[in-house]
Amino acid sequence: MVAQLVSYYLRAAVASPKLLYDHGMPNGEVLDMAYLTDELLISAGPTNDYRRSFYRPATAELKQYLDSNHKDGWLVYNFRAEPSGYEDSDLDNRVVHLPFRDHTPPPFFYIPLFIESIRDHVGGANPAKRTPPSTPPRAPSSDSVDTDTSTRPLAPSQSSLLEGISSDPSLVPTTDVSSLQLWERSDSGRSHSSGSDDTSLASQMSVNSQMSQVSQASSQSQISRISGSLQSSIGSTVSAPRVAVLHCKAGKGRSGLMGCAFLVAERGWSVKNAADSFTRVRMRPGFGEGVSIQSQKRYLNYTYDWAQVIARQYRDIKVDLDYIRVWKPQYSDIVITLSDYENDSDRAEYSPSAIPEVKKRYISSPEDLTNETDDYITFRPKETVSLTGDCRVKVKHVVANPFSLPLVDGQGDAWFNLFFETFRVREGAYDFHNTEGMFSVSWSHMDGFRGNFQKGMWLCERVEVGWRVAQSQEGTVQES
């Protein structure tokens, strides 16, 4: 009894400002988790360690809950790049690994991988409304967002994006690359396209070698190559309603991002609805957002565009850095670094240990300083700097000290994806003929130390990164 009481208060302290879940356990234990919907359960990472089990969910407790409330219909998704804290066999090998580092977004291609896998598990169609296994920890308030998936429209399929849309030759997703110029979200919430009524949708959406230059072909082949090893060992006959259990370490940032991404892509939720719903069920009132890291929010918006604007088209693109511009720098010796994931989309196969490695590609130096005014400074690399896929820009200032040790008094960084920042011409509109791109982020929208809001000293007003699409890469869009 004493141990249970100590565990309760320790878990409450460690979980704070998150809500605890205290329903469905036989002895009244509390678990650090929450239902985002009745098919998505977000949990802190379980542990086999006896001492940690006083403040983290014990693996045995989590399994007991899942077996009791979801029978044979549960599957665990583990996003931890750090050690899991348990063995897959402890959860009957019902574990899908998709690891990426804490306080960051994943490489974007992870998101379609996850969505395809979880769709296979819980079902692609919007499921009928089911009664949750137990009462959520906090009832919806009258002004809370609607989380009823049974009345929410589905994300449009590729074919539905082409149905009932007026003709516009510049917007058609045909196999003729010269026509693939602009995709734009209309007021009705579907992408513009063209093509006569007698043109078959299958023909319009077929992906040949030309269309694959900037299309869903590369991401789909990538998914089909990797996701085979992500599939669950659960059989096709499952007697209980299926649920996906998403966990990282704390069950907040990484798990929240991926859970919201699934709702945006597969259930047609808006980004705001998904994020607000996660905050409401996971966080104590007044203690901040569930998905709070700016870069993770940015990738949730990318997911919305990918699923609901451009018909799930995506591929990693390669670019050459043109310039970095820092507006209103506080110091003259500010340092800018650019990094990307090393070979993140070139793996022959997926494995649980395939954690994406971050590789520094550029560090600013005084020799690259080409323009210095009262408003900004500009760095242009003297040698070619290539970036691929997902990139991180980091601003840092190091103070000299008597001990000759680096002392960072300010640091901010931001992750962004080159595909979306190159081809998006405005909100809801994409032009796949763009050959240049630019990403701009203000200091207030950068991530701080270990993903929090603390960035130390104010270093600049904003940072701007410009690039050109590499001409040598396979798949660059060319005018025919």
Protein backbone atom coordinates (compact mmCIF):
# COMPACT_ATOMS: atom_id res chain seq x y z
CA MET A 1 0.00 0.00 0.00
CA VAL A 2 2.82 2.38 0.92
CA ALA A 3 4.74 1.49 -2.25
CA GLN A 4 1.63 2.10 -4.35
CA LEU A 5 1.09 5.49 -2.70
CA VAL A 6 4.73 6.48 -3.22
CA SER A 7 4.51 5.37 -6.85
CA TYR A 8 1.36 7.42 -7.37
CA TYR A 9 2.94 10.65 -6.14
CA LEU A 10 6.21 10.03 -7.93
CA ARG A 11 4.41 9.37 -11.21
CA ALA A 12 2.28 12.46 -10.73
CA ALA A 13 5.39 14.55 -10.09
CA VAL A 14 7.35 13.16 -13.05
CA ALA A 15 4.37 13.30 -15.41
CA SER A 16 3.51 16.89 -14.50
CA PRO A 17 2.38 18.93 -16.39
CA LYS A 18 0.81 15.92 -18.16
CA LEU A 19 -2.35 14.19 -17.04
CA LEU A 20 -2.30 10.69 -15.62
CA TYR A 21 -4.70 7.96 -16.65
CA ASP A 22 -6.33 6.16 -13.73
CA HIS A 23 -9.01 4.00 -15.34
CA GLY A 24 -9.06 0.29 -16.05
CA MET A 25 -6.29 -0.89 -13.72
CA PRO A 26 -7.31 -3.60 -11.22
CA ASN A 27 -5.49 -2.14 -8.21
CA GLY A 28 -6.06 1.51 -8.97
CA GLU A 29 -2.62 2.16 -10.46
CA VAL A 30 -2.15 5.24 -12.61
CA LEU A 31 -0.46 5.20 -16.00
CA ASP A 32 1.24 8.09 -17.77
CA MET A 33 -0.88 7.95 -20.94
CA ALA A 34 -3.97 9.35 -22.64
CA TYR A 35 -6.37 8.40 -25.44
CA LEU A 36 -6.10 10.86 -28.31
CA THR A 37 -8.93 8.98 -29.99
CA ASP A 38 -10.29 5.53 -29.25
CA GLU A 39 -7.83 4.13 -31.81
CA LEU A 40 -4.76 6.11 -30.67
CA LEU A 41 -3.26 5.76 -27.19
CA ILE A 42 -0.31 8.04 -26.33
CA SER A 43 1.93 6.77 -23.55
CA ALA A 44 5.19 7.54 -21.83
CA GLY A 45 7.84 4.94 -22.50
CA PRO A 46 7.40 1.84 -20.33
CA THR A 47 10.31 0.41 -18.39
CA ASN A 48 11.48 -2.89 -16.96
CA ASP A 49 13.67 -1.20 -14.38
CA TYR A 50 12.20 -1.60 -10.89
CA ARG A 51 13.37 1.79 -9.64
CA ARG A 52 12.16 3.64 -12.72
CA SER A 53 8.82 1.87 -12.52
CA PHE A 54 8.01 3.99 -9.46
CA TYR A 55 7.74 7.04 -11.71
CA ARG A 56 7.41 5.54 -15.21
CA PRO A 57 4.84 3.00 -16.49
CA ALA A 58 6.03 -0.53 -15.80
CA THR A 59 6.04 -2.65 -18.95
CA ALA A 60 4.06 -5.37 -17.19
CA GLU A 61 1.42 -2.85 -16.08
CA LEU A 62 1.01 -1.46 -19.57
CA LYS A 63 0.71 -4.94 -21.05
CA GLN A 64 -1.80 -5.93 -18.38
CA TYR A 65 -3.92 -2.90 -19.22
CA LEU A 66 -3.76 -3.52 -22.97
CA ASP A 67 -4.57 -7.22 -22.66
CA SER A 68 -7.46 -6.46 -20.36
CA ASN A 69 -8.99 -3.62 -22.35
CA HIS A 70 -7.93 -4.31 -25.96
CA LYS A 71 -7.43 -8.09 -25.98
CA ASP A 72 -5.46 -8.98 -29.12
CA GLY A 73 -6.08 -5.69 -30.94
CA TRP A 74 -3.14 -3.58 -29.72
CA LEU A 75 0.17 -2.71 -31.37
CA VAL A 76 2.96 -0.53 -29.92
CA TYR A 77 4.88 2.11 -31.91
CA ASN A 78 8.21 3.04 -30.34
CA PHE A 79 9.77 6.36 -31.46
CA ARG A 80 12.67 6.34 -29.01
CA ALA A 81 16.16 6.74 -30.44
CA GLU A 82 17.54 6.22 -26.95
CA PRO A 83 17.33 2.74 -25.33
CA SER A 84 13.73 1.55 -25.07
CA GLY A 85 13.88 0.37 -21.47
CA TYR A 86 12.28 -2.98 -22.30
CA GLU A 87 12.57 -5.89 -24.71
CA ASP A 88 10.14 -6.38 -27.58
CA SER A 89 9.38 -9.83 -26.22
CA ASP A 90 8.01 -8.20 -23.05
CA LEU A 91 5.18 -6.90 -25.23
CA ASP A 92 4.75 -10.13 -27.22
CA ASN A 93 6.89 -8.67 -30.04
CA ARG A 94 4.00 -6.36 -30.94
CA VAL A 95 6.37 -3.40 -31.32
CA VAL A 96 7.10 -1.28 -34.38
CA HIS A 97 10.31 0.76 -34.15
CA LEU A 98 10.57 4.09 -35.91
CA PRO A 99 13.24 5.91 -33.90
CA PHE A 100 14.18 9.56 -34.09
CA ARG A 101 15.85 11.87 -31.63
CA ASP A 102 14.11 13.64 -28.81
CA HIS A 103 13.10 17.29 -29.24
CA THR A 104 13.27 17.07 -33.04
CA PRO A 105 10.99 16.12 -35.93
CA PRO A 106 11.78 12.94 -37.85
CA PRO A 107 13.03 12.90 -41.43
CA PHE A 108 9.83 13.67 -43.28
CA PHE A 109 9.74 10.35 -45.11
CA TYR A 110 9.25 8.66 -41.71
CA ILE A 111 5.78 10.20 -41.50
CA PRO A 112 4.32 8.44 -44.59
CA LEU A 113 5.99 5.25 -43.35
CA PHE A 114 4.27 5.53 -40.00
CA ILE A 115 0.93 6.52 -41.48
CA GLU A 116 0.93 3.56 -43.87
CA SER A 117 1.81 1.14 -41.09
CA ILE A 118 -0.74 2.44 -38.60
CA ARG A 119 -3.41 2.59 -41.31
CA ASP A 120 -2.81 -1.08 -42.00
CA HIS A 121 -3.29 -1.79 -38.31
CA VAL A 122 -6.32 0.30 -37.31
CA GLY A 123 -7.93 0.46 -40.75
CA GLY A 124 -7.83 2.92 -43.60
CA ALA A 125 -11.50 3.81 -43.60
CA ASN A 126 -12.87 6.09 -40.94
CA PRO A 127 -14.01 3.51 -38.38
CA ALA A 128 -17.44 3.47 -36.82
CA LYS A 129 -17.61 5.22 -33.51
CA ARG A 130 -16.60 2.87 -30.75
CA THR A 131 -17.02 3.18 -27.02
CA PRO A 132 -13.61 3.77 -25.45
CA PRO A 133 -12.51 1.09 -23.01
CA SER A 134 -12.81 3.52 -20.15
CA THR A 135 -13.64 7.12 -19.39
CA PRO A 136 -10.99 9.63 -20.53
CA PRO A 137 -9.22 11.47 -17.71
CA ARG A 138 -10.95 14.77 -18.44
CA ALA A 139 -14.33 15.21 -20.07
CA PRO A 140 -14.52 17.62 -23.01
CA SER A 141 -15.50 21.12 -22.07
CA SER A 142 -18.17 23.01 -23.96
CA ASP A 143 -15.60 25.09 -25.80
CA SER A 144 -13.18 22.27 -26.58
CA VAL A 145 -12.49 21.09 -30.09
CA ASP A 146 -14.51 18.24 -31.52
CA THR A 147 -12.72 14.90 -31.46
CA ASP A 148 -15.54 12.70 -32.78
CA THR A 149 -13.93 10.89 -35.68
CA SER A 150 -17.21 9.36 -36.79
CA THR A 151 -18.54 12.69 -38.09
CA ARG A 152 -15.26 14.11 -39.31
CA PRO A 153 -14.58 13.91 -43.05
CA LEU A 154 -11.89 11.65 -44.36
CA ALA A 155 -8.71 13.02 -45.82
CA PRO A 156 -9.28 13.18 -49.57
CA SER A 157 -7.90 10.27 -51.52
CA GLN A 158 -5.85 10.83 -54.63
CA SER A 159 -8.79 10.12 -56.88
CA SER A 160 -11.22 12.31 -54.93
CA LEU A 161 -8.86 15.23 -55.42
CA LEU A 162 -9.69 15.08 -59.13
CA GLU A 163 -13.43 14.65 -58.93
CA GLY A 164 -15.74 17.56 -59.66
CA ILE A 165 -12.96 20.12 -60.09
CA SER A 166 -13.07 22.65 -62.89
CA SER A 167 -10.49 22.31 -65.62
CA ASP A 168 -7.24 24.29 -65.47
CA PRO A 169 -4.35 23.13 -67.72
CA SER A 170 -1.67 24.45 -65.35
CA LEU A 171 -2.85 22.36 -62.42
CA VAL A 172 -3.29 18.82 -63.71
CA PRO A 173 -1.29 15.99 -62.08
CA THR A 174 -0.73 14.22 -65.39
CA THR A 175 2.15 12.09 -66.56
CA ASP A 176 3.35 15.05 -68.67
CA VAL A 177 5.85 16.86 -66.46
CA SER A 178 5.50 20.06 -68.47
CA SER A 179 1.94 20.32 -67.17
CA LEU A 180 2.91 19.69 -63.56
CA GLN A 181 3.24 23.28 -62.41
CA LEU A 182 0.92 24.28 -59.62
CA TRP A 183 -1.19 22.48 -57.08
CA GLU A 184 -3.43 24.69 -55.02
CA ARG A 185 -5.96 24.08 -52.29
CA SER A 186 -9.35 25.55 -53.19
CA ASP A 187 -11.90 27.07 -50.81
CA SER A 188 -13.77 23.77 -50.84
CA GLY A 189 -10.72 22.10 -49.33
CA ARG A 190 -9.61 20.09 -52.37
CA SER A 191 -6.73 20.60 -54.74
CA HIS A 192 -7.32 22.19 -58.12
CA SER A 193 -6.64 19.97 -61.09
CA SER A 194 -7.62 19.68 -64.70
CA GLY A 195 -8.49 17.10 -67.25
CA SER A 196 -11.60 16.36 -69.25
CA ASP A 197 -14.39 14.35 -67.71
CA ASP A 198 -13.69 11.42 -69.98
CA THR A 199 -10.08 11.17 -68.82
CA SER A 200 -9.80 8.27 -66.43
CA LEU A 201 -8.58 9.05 -62.94
CA ALA A 202 -6.32 6.04 -63.03
CA SER A 203 -4.63 7.40 -66.14
CA GLN A 204 -4.26 10.86 -64.63
CA MET A 205 -2.72 9.55 -61.43
CA SER A 206 -0.51 6.86 -62.98
CA VAL A 207 3.14 7.34 -62.14
CA ASN A 208 5.60 6.68 -64.92
CA SER A 209 9.26 7.55 -65.09
CA GLN A 210 8.49 11.16 -66.01
CA MET A 211 5.96 11.82 -63.28
CA SER A 212 8.23 10.29 -60.69
CA GLN A 213 10.57 13.28 -60.99
CA VAL A 214 8.64 15.12 -58.30
CA SER A 215 5.83 12.81 -57.35
CA GLN A 216 4.64 10.26 -54.93
CA ALA A 217 6.53 7.55 -56.84
CA SER A 218 9.76 7.87 -54.92
CA SER A 219 8.06 8.03 -51.54
CA GLN A 220 5.76 5.14 -52.41
CA SER A 221 8.66 2.96 -53.55
CA GLN A 222 10.52 4.00 -50.44
CA ILE A 223 7.56 3.03 -48.29
CA SER A 224 7.08 -0.29 -50.02
CA ARG A 225 10.77 -1.06 -49.58
CA ILE A 226 10.99 -0.20 -45.91
CA SER A 227 7.55 -0.77 -44.48
CA GLY A 228 7.63 -4.50 -45.11
CA SER A 229 9.74 -4.89 -41.99
CA LEU A 230 7.39 -2.62 -40.03
CA GLN A 231 4.33 -4.80 -40.39
CA SER A 232 2.79 -6.30 -37.32
CA SER A 233 2.82 -9.99 -36.59
CA ILE A 234 -0.82 -9.64 -35.55
CA GLY A 235 -3.02 -11.90 -37.62
CA SER A 236 -5.85 -10.70 -39.84
CA THR A 237 -8.49 -12.02 -37.44
CA VAL A 238 -8.60 -9.82 -34.37
CA SER A 239 -11.58 -10.06 -32.04
CA ALA A 240 -11.15 -6.69 -30.28
CA PRO A 241 -11.18 -3.15 -31.69
CA ARG A 242 -7.65 -2.26 -32.73
CA VAL A 243 -5.64 0.43 -30.98
CA ALA A 244 -2.20 1.83 -31.73
CA VAL A 245 -0.08 2.65 -28.67
CA LEU A 246 2.40 5.42 -29.46
CA HIS A 247 5.25 6.13 -27.10
CA CYS A 248 8.52 8.00 -26.96
CA LYS A 249 10.17 8.84 -23.64
CA ALA A 250 7.64 11.17 -22.03
CA GLY A 251 4.75 10.46 -24.39
CA LYS A 252 4.46 14.07 -25.49
CA GLY A 253 6.50 15.60 -28.33
CA ARG A 254 7.43 12.75 -30.67
CA SER A 255 4.36 10.64 -29.93
CA GLY A 256 2.08 13.68 -30.06
CA LEU A 257 3.47 14.78 -33.41
CA MET A 258 3.02 11.35 -34.99
CA GLY A 259 -0.44 10.83 -33.52
CA CYS A 260 -1.60 14.23 -34.76
CA ALA A 261 0.01 13.53 -38.15
CA PHE A 262 -2.11 10.39 -38.51
CA LEU A 263 -5.31 12.28 -37.68
CA VAL A 264 -4.44 15.03 -40.17
CA ALA A 265 -3.49 12.62 -42.98
CA GLU A 266 -5.99 9.79 -42.49
CA ARG A 267 -8.92 11.30 -40.63
CA GLY A 268 -9.05 14.69 -42.32
CA TRP A 269 -8.51 16.74 -39.15
CA SER A 270 -7.11 20.22 -39.34
CA VAL A 271 -3.71 20.86 -37.77
CA LYS A 272 -5.28 23.05 -35.10
CA ASN A 273 -7.96 20.50 -34.23
CA ALA A 274 -5.43 17.69 -33.91
CA ALA A 275 -2.93 19.72 -31.86
CA ASP A 276 -5.60 21.24 -29.59
CA SER A 277 -7.19 17.85 -29.00
CA PHE A 278 -3.86 16.34 -28.01
CA THR A 279 -3.20 19.24 -25.63
CA ARG A 280 -6.62 18.84 -24.05
CA VAL A 281 -6.35 15.11 -23.34
CA ARG A 282 -2.61 15.02 -22.47
CA MET A 283 -1.83 18.24 -20.60
CA ARG A 284 -3.10 19.80 -17.41
CA PRO A 285 -5.08 22.98 -18.12
CA GLY A 286 -2.85 26.04 -18.33
CA PHE A 287 0.41 24.06 -18.56
CA GLY A 288 1.20 24.60 -22.22
CA GLU A 289 0.78 22.69 -25.45
CA GLY A 290 1.14 18.98 -26.04
CA VAL A 291 3.20 19.45 -29.22
CA SER A 292 5.19 22.51 -28.20
CA ILE A 293 8.44 22.30 -30.19
CA GLN A 294 8.34 24.71 -33.12
CA SER A 295 10.04 22.35 -35.58
CA GLN A 296 7.61 19.56 -34.77
CA LYS A 297 4.72 21.96 -35.36
CA ARG A 298 6.26 22.87 -38.72
CA TYR A 299 6.37 19.19 -39.73
CA LEU A 300 2.75 18.76 -38.72
CA ASN A 301 1.90 21.53 -41.18
CA TYR A 302 4.00 19.76 -43.82
CA THR A 303 1.93 16.64 -43.19
CA TYR A 304 -1.27 18.59 -43.78
CA ASP A 305 0.02 19.89 -47.11
CA TRP A 306 1.30 16.46 -48.12
CA ALA A 307 -2.01 14.74 -47.39
CA GLN A 308 -4.62 17.39 -48.11
CA VAL A 309 -3.07 19.73 -50.68
CA ILE A 310 -0.63 17.91 -53.00
CA ALA A 311 -2.10 14.39 -53.10
CA ARG A 312 0.68 12.79 -51.04
CA GLN A 313 3.46 13.72 -53.42
CA TYR A 314 6.91 13.80 -51.89
CA ARG A 315 10.54 13.02 -52.51
CA ASP A 316 13.80 14.09 -50.90
CA ILE A 317 15.48 16.70 -53.07
CA LYS A 318 19.09 17.81 -53.21
CA VAL A 319 20.01 21.50 -53.22
CA ASP A 320 23.13 23.65 -53.27
CA LEU A 321 23.41 26.33 -50.61
CA ASP A 322 23.37 29.87 -52.01
CA TYR A 323 23.48 32.13 -48.96
CA ILE A 324 22.66 32.54 -45.28
CA ARG A 325 21.41 35.92 -44.12
CA VAL A 326 21.17 36.95 -40.48
CA TRP A 327 18.95 39.94 -39.74
CA LYS A 328 19.79 42.31 -36.88
CA PRO A 329 22.63 40.21 -35.45
CA GLN A 330 23.47 40.97 -31.84
CA TYR A 331 27.13 40.00 -32.27
CA SER A 332 29.58 40.16 -35.16
CA ASP A 333 31.04 36.75 -34.35
CA ILE A 334 27.77 34.84 -34.48
CA VAL A 335 28.12 31.27 -35.83
CA ILE A 336 25.66 29.60 -38.22
CA THR A 337 25.68 25.86 -38.93
CA LEU A 338 23.64 23.85 -41.40
CA SER A 339 23.08 20.12 -41.00
CA ASP A 340 21.00 17.40 -42.61
CA TYR A 341 20.33 13.73 -42.08
CA GLU A 342 23.04 11.54 -43.52
CA ASN A 343 21.65 9.18 -46.19
CA ASP A 344 18.29 9.13 -44.45
CA SER A 345 16.34 7.93 -47.49
CA ASP A 346 19.00 5.74 -49.10
CA ARG A 347 18.86 2.78 -46.73
CA ALA A 348 18.31 -0.52 -48.45
CA GLU A 349 16.14 -1.69 -45.59
CA TYR A 350 14.77 -0.52 -42.29
CA SER A 351 16.04 -1.79 -38.97
CA PRO A 352 15.26 -0.73 -35.39
CA SER A 353 18.82 0.53 -35.02
CA ALA A 354 18.60 2.75 -38.12
CA ILE A 355 18.55 6.01 -36.20
CA PRO A 356 19.09 8.93 -38.60
CA GLU A 357 22.46 10.55 -38.09
CA VAL A 358 22.73 14.34 -38.22
CA LYS A 359 25.66 15.51 -40.33
CA LYS A 360 27.05 19.06 -40.29
CA ARG A 361 27.38 20.39 -43.84
CA TYR A 362 28.36 24.01 -43.30
CA ILE A 363 29.83 26.20 -40.56
CA SER A 364 29.98 29.93 -41.22
CA SER A 365 33.34 31.64 -41.23
CA PRO A 366 34.52 35.26 -41.60
CA GLU A 367 35.91 34.39 -45.05
CA ASP A 368 32.36 33.71 -46.27
CA LEU A 369 31.02 37.06 -45.11
CA THR A 370 30.08 38.91 -48.31
CA ASN A 371 27.72 41.61 -47.16
CA GLU A 372 27.45 43.46 -43.87
CA THR A 373 24.96 46.27 -43.30
CA ASP A 374 23.17 47.79 -40.35
CA ASP A 375 20.25 45.43 -41.00
CA TYR A 376 21.87 42.10 -41.86
CA ILE A 377 24.98 40.09 -42.62
CA THR A 378 25.23 37.57 -45.47
CA PHE A 379 27.38 34.45 -45.73
CA ARG A 380 28.04 32.82 -49.10
CA PRO A 381 30.07 29.61 -49.10
CA LYS A 382 33.12 29.65 -51.36
CA GLU A 383 32.72 25.94 -52.09
CA THR A 384 29.62 23.98 -53.04
CA VAL A 385 27.58 22.93 -50.02
CA SER A 386 24.96 20.28 -50.79
CA LEU A 387 21.94 19.57 -48.60
CA THR A 388 19.35 16.82 -48.95
CA GLY A 389 15.93 16.15 -47.50
CA ASP A 390 15.59 17.66 -44.03
CA CYS A 391 17.88 20.40 -42.74
CA ARG A 392 18.64 22.15 -39.48
CA VAL A 393 19.88 25.71 -39.23
CA LYS A 394 21.48 26.61 -35.92
CA VAL A 395 22.49 30.04 -34.61
CA LYS A 396 24.99 30.12 -31.78
CA HIS A 397 27.25 32.53 -29.95
CA VAL A 398 30.21 31.42 -27.86
CA VAL A 399 31.68 33.67 -25.18
CA ALA A 400 35.39 33.66 -24.46
CA ASN A 401 36.26 32.93 -20.82
CA PRO A 402 39.43 32.67 -18.74
CA PHE A 403 39.29 28.88 -18.65
CA SER A 404 39.40 28.55 -22.46
CA LEU A 405 36.22 26.52 -22.38
CA PRO A 406 33.40 27.19 -24.84
CA LEU A 407 30.56 28.96 -23.08
CA VAL A 408 27.40 29.26 -25.15
CA ASP A 409 25.33 32.25 -24.09
CA GLY A 410 22.72 31.91 -26.83
CA GLN A 411 21.55 29.21 -29.20
CA GLY A 412 18.52 28.59 -31.41
CA ASP A 413 17.82 26.13 -34.19
CA ALA A 414 15.06 25.13 -36.59
CA TRP A 415 14.41 22.05 -38.71
CA PHE A 416 12.82 22.40 -42.14
CA ASN A 417 12.21 20.26 -45.21
CA LEU A 418 13.67 21.26 -48.58
CA PHE A 419 10.87 19.79 -50.71
CA PHE A 420 8.12 21.80 -49.04
CA GLU A 421 10.12 25.01 -48.67
CA THR A 422 11.25 24.86 -52.32
CA PHE A 423 7.96 24.15 -54.05
CA ARG A 424 5.45 25.90 -51.80
CA VAL A 425 4.79 29.33 -53.29
CA ARG A 426 2.21 30.39 -50.69
CA GLU A 427 -0.05 28.74 -48.16
CA GLY A 428 -1.91 25.93 -49.89
CA ALA A 429 -0.19 26.35 -53.29
CA TYR A 430 2.81 24.50 -54.77
CA ASP A 431 4.79 25.09 -57.97
CA PHE A 432 6.94 22.08 -58.85
CA HIS A 433 8.92 24.00 -61.44
CA ASN A 434 10.68 26.12 -58.83
CA THR A 435 14.45 25.86 -59.02
CA GLU A 436 15.23 28.05 -56.02
CA GLY A 437 14.01 28.04 -52.47
CA MET A 438 14.26 30.00 -49.24
CA PHE A 439 13.50 29.32 -45.59
CA SER A 440 13.13 32.15 -43.10
CA VAL A 441 12.60 31.76 -39.37
CA SER A 442 12.38 34.35 -36.63
CA TRP A 443 14.26 34.04 -33.35
CA SER A 444 10.98 33.56 -31.47
CA HIS A 445 10.07 30.56 -33.67
CA MET A 446 13.37 28.76 -33.16
CA ASP A 447 13.79 25.84 -30.78
CA GLY A 448 15.91 26.32 -27.70
CA PHE A 449 18.18 24.09 -25.63
CA ARG A 450 16.90 20.52 -25.73
CA GLY A 451 13.72 21.60 -27.46
CA ASN A 452 12.46 24.06 -24.85
CA PHE A 453 11.87 27.78 -25.21
CA GLN A 454 15.05 28.79 -23.43
CA LYS A 455 17.56 30.04 -26.00
CA GLY A 456 19.72 32.22 -23.77
CA MET A 457 20.70 35.65 -25.06
CA TRP A 458 18.76 37.14 -27.97
CA LEU A 459 21.07 36.69 -30.98
CA CYS A 460 19.21 37.98 -34.02
CA GLU A 461 15.83 38.97 -35.41
CA ARG A 462 15.64 36.13 -37.92
CA VAL A 463 17.71 33.85 -40.15
CA GLU A 464 17.18 33.26 -43.84
CA VAL A 465 18.63 30.36 -45.85
CA GLY A 466 18.57 30.40 -49.66
CA TRP A 467 19.44 27.62 -52.10
CA ARG A 468 19.22 26.38 -55.68
CA VAL A 469 17.91 22.96 -56.67
CA ALA A 470 20.93 20.88 -57.71
CA GLN A 471 20.91 20.44 -61.47
CA SER A 472 22.76 17.14 -61.41
CA GLN A 473 20.27 15.28 -59.24
CA GLU A 474 18.01 12.68 -60.75
CA GLY A 475 14.41 13.78 -60.57
CA THR A 476 14.76 17.54 -60.96
CA VAL A 477 11.80 18.98 -62.81
CA GLN A 478 12.77 20.24 -66.24
CA GLU A 479 10.69 22.12 -68.78
CA SER A 480 9.96 19.91 -71.76
